[in-house]
């Protein structure tokens, strides 16, 4: 079962989201796919001729990281952390939680490790 996919036709993109999933999952899937578009990832086949899923780990990590950033902007993340709310209350589905917020897709990008953790025991360093 798929969560979402992007169909490419020249310069046009159509993102298809699985509406059988919970709304929070649909939002996360849409943000992830939109991230591929924003990051200008090269389109590729999703499935090989043998029926195996084709995967570019670096592109997927980048899309995960940006997808979370789109769903939970900085002020929202700080609000969740300061008020000790569960990350579920921020509207981010399980697969897209904490790890992308702890570090960026590549070394040297994103928040420093330990700077922002969306958990009840969270602490936030102020600027």
Protein backbone atom coordinates (compact mmCIF):
# COMPACT_ATOMS: atom_id res chain seq x y z
CA UNK A 1 0.00 0.00 0.00
CA UNK A 2 1.36 3.42 -0.90
CA UNK A 3 1.16 6.62 1.14
CA UNK A 4 1.63 9.11 -1.69
CA UNK A 5 3.37 9.50 -5.02
CA UNK A 6 4.18 12.22 -7.49
CA UNK A 7 3.37 11.81 -11.16
CA UNK A 8 5.64 13.85 -13.43
CA UNK A 9 4.58 15.08 -16.87
CA UNK A 10 7.17 17.49 -18.27
CA UNK A 11 7.21 20.43 -15.86
CA UNK A 12 3.87 19.51 -14.30
CA UNK A 13 3.54 17.52 -11.07
CA UNK A 14 0.51 15.70 -9.70
CA UNK A 15 0.73 14.47 -6.12
CA UNK A 16 -1.59 11.58 -5.28
CA UNK A 17 -2.25 10.86 -1.59
CA UNK A 18 -3.80 7.68 -0.21
CA UNK A 19 -7.09 8.87 1.31
CA UNK A 20 -7.48 5.60 3.22
CA UNK A 21 -4.85 6.87 5.67
CA UNK A 22 -5.56 9.11 8.66
CA UNK A 23 -5.62 12.84 7.88
CA UNK A 24 -2.39 13.47 9.83
CA UNK A 25 -0.66 10.78 7.75
CA UNK A 26 -2.06 12.28 4.54
CA UNK A 27 -0.67 15.70 5.51
CA UNK A 28 2.75 14.19 6.26
CA UNK A 29 2.74 12.27 2.98
CA UNK A 30 1.74 15.37 1.01
CA UNK A 31 4.46 17.46 2.69
CA UNK A 32 7.02 14.74 1.91
CA UNK A 33 6.06 14.60 -1.77
CA UNK A 34 5.92 18.39 -2.04
CA UNK A 35 9.42 18.45 -0.56
CA UNK A 36 10.70 16.34 -3.46
CA UNK A 37 9.29 18.96 -5.83
CA UNK A 38 10.69 21.93 -3.88
CA UNK A 39 14.11 20.27 -3.64
CA UNK A 40 13.99 19.58 -7.39
CA UNK A 41 14.78 15.91 -6.96
CA UNK A 42 15.24 14.15 -10.26
CA UNK A 43 12.12 12.07 -11.03
CA UNK A 44 12.69 8.33 -11.28
CA UNK A 45 10.72 5.13 -11.50
CA UNK A 46 9.26 4.00 -8.18
CA UNK A 47 9.31 0.29 -9.03
CA UNK A 48 11.81 -1.75 -11.04
CA UNK A 49 10.77 -4.07 -13.87
CA UNK A 50 11.14 -6.95 -11.38
CA UNK A 51 8.59 -5.29 -9.08
CA UNK A 52 11.08 -4.10 -6.45
CA UNK A 53 10.79 -0.65 -4.86
CA UNK A 54 13.47 1.76 -6.10
CA UNK A 55 14.80 4.03 -3.36
CA UNK A 56 17.29 6.89 -3.13
CA UNK A 57 18.08 7.11 0.58
CA UNK A 58 19.62 10.61 0.42
CA UNK A 59 16.64 12.10 -1.45
CA UNK A 60 14.17 10.43 0.93
CA UNK A 61 15.99 11.76 4.01
CA UNK A 62 16.04 15.26 2.52
CA UNK A 63 12.31 15.08 1.75
CA UNK A 64 11.59 13.76 5.27
CA UNK A 65 13.52 16.62 6.85
CA UNK A 66 11.90 19.35 4.75
CA UNK A 67 8.47 17.72 5.08
CA UNK A 68 8.62 18.02 8.86
CA UNK A 69 9.85 21.61 8.57
CA UNK A 70 6.86 22.42 6.34
CA UNK A 71 4.43 20.80 8.77
CA UNK A 72 5.93 22.17 11.97
CA UNK A 73 7.55 25.55 11.40
CA UNK A 74 10.11 26.81 13.93
CA UNK A 75 7.64 28.76 16.07
CA UNK A 76 5.30 25.78 16.20
CA UNK A 77 8.12 23.42 17.17
CA UNK A 78 9.24 25.80 19.91
CA UNK A 79 5.66 26.08 21.19
CA UNK A 80 5.33 22.30 21.37
CA UNK A 81 8.68 21.97 23.16
CA UNK A 82 8.13 24.86 25.60
CA UNK A 83 4.64 23.78 26.59
CA UNK A 84 5.69 20.15 26.97
CA UNK A 85 3.06 18.93 24.52
CA UNK A 86 3.21 15.54 22.92
CA UNK A 87 4.42 15.76 19.32
CA UNK A 88 1.15 14.12 18.23
CA UNK A 89 -0.54 17.40 19.12
CA UNK A 90 1.60 19.16 16.49
CA UNK A 91 -0.11 17.18 13.72
CA UNK A 92 2.91 15.17 12.54
CA UNK A 93 2.42 11.49 11.81
CA UNK A 94 4.57 8.81 13.48
CA UNK A 95 7.01 8.18 10.60
CA UNK A 96 7.91 11.87 10.36
CA UNK A 97 8.56 12.66 14.02
CA UNK A 98 11.71 13.64 15.96
CA UNK A 99 14.72 12.30 13.99
CA UNK A 100 14.50 14.82 11.11
CA UNK A 101 14.15 17.63 13.64
CA UNK A 102 17.28 16.55 15.46
CA UNK A 103 19.55 16.91 12.45
CA UNK A 104 19.37 17.99 8.84
CA UNK A 105 19.50 15.71 5.83
CA UNK A 106 23.24 16.23 5.46
CA UNK A 107 25.97 17.02 7.91
CA UNK A 108 26.04 20.67 8.93
CA UNK A 109 22.40 21.50 8.18
CA UNK A 110 19.39 21.80 10.43
CA UNK A 111 19.30 22.25 14.20
CA UNK A 112 22.26 21.07 16.22
CA UNK A 113 21.75 17.66 17.88
CA UNK A 114 20.23 18.11 21.32
CA UNK A 115 18.91 21.56 20.50
CA UNK A 116 15.28 20.65 19.88
CA UNK A 117 13.50 17.47 20.87
CA UNK A 118 9.73 17.29 20.68
CA UNK A 119 9.04 15.25 23.80
CA UNK A 120 7.32 15.97 27.10
CA UNK A 121 10.71 16.32 28.78
CA UNK A 122 11.93 18.68 26.05
CA UNK A 123 14.23 21.57 26.67
CA UNK A 124 14.84 24.34 24.18
CA UNK A 125 17.95 26.46 23.97
CA UNK A 126 17.11 30.09 23.49
CA UNK A 127 18.92 32.26 21.01
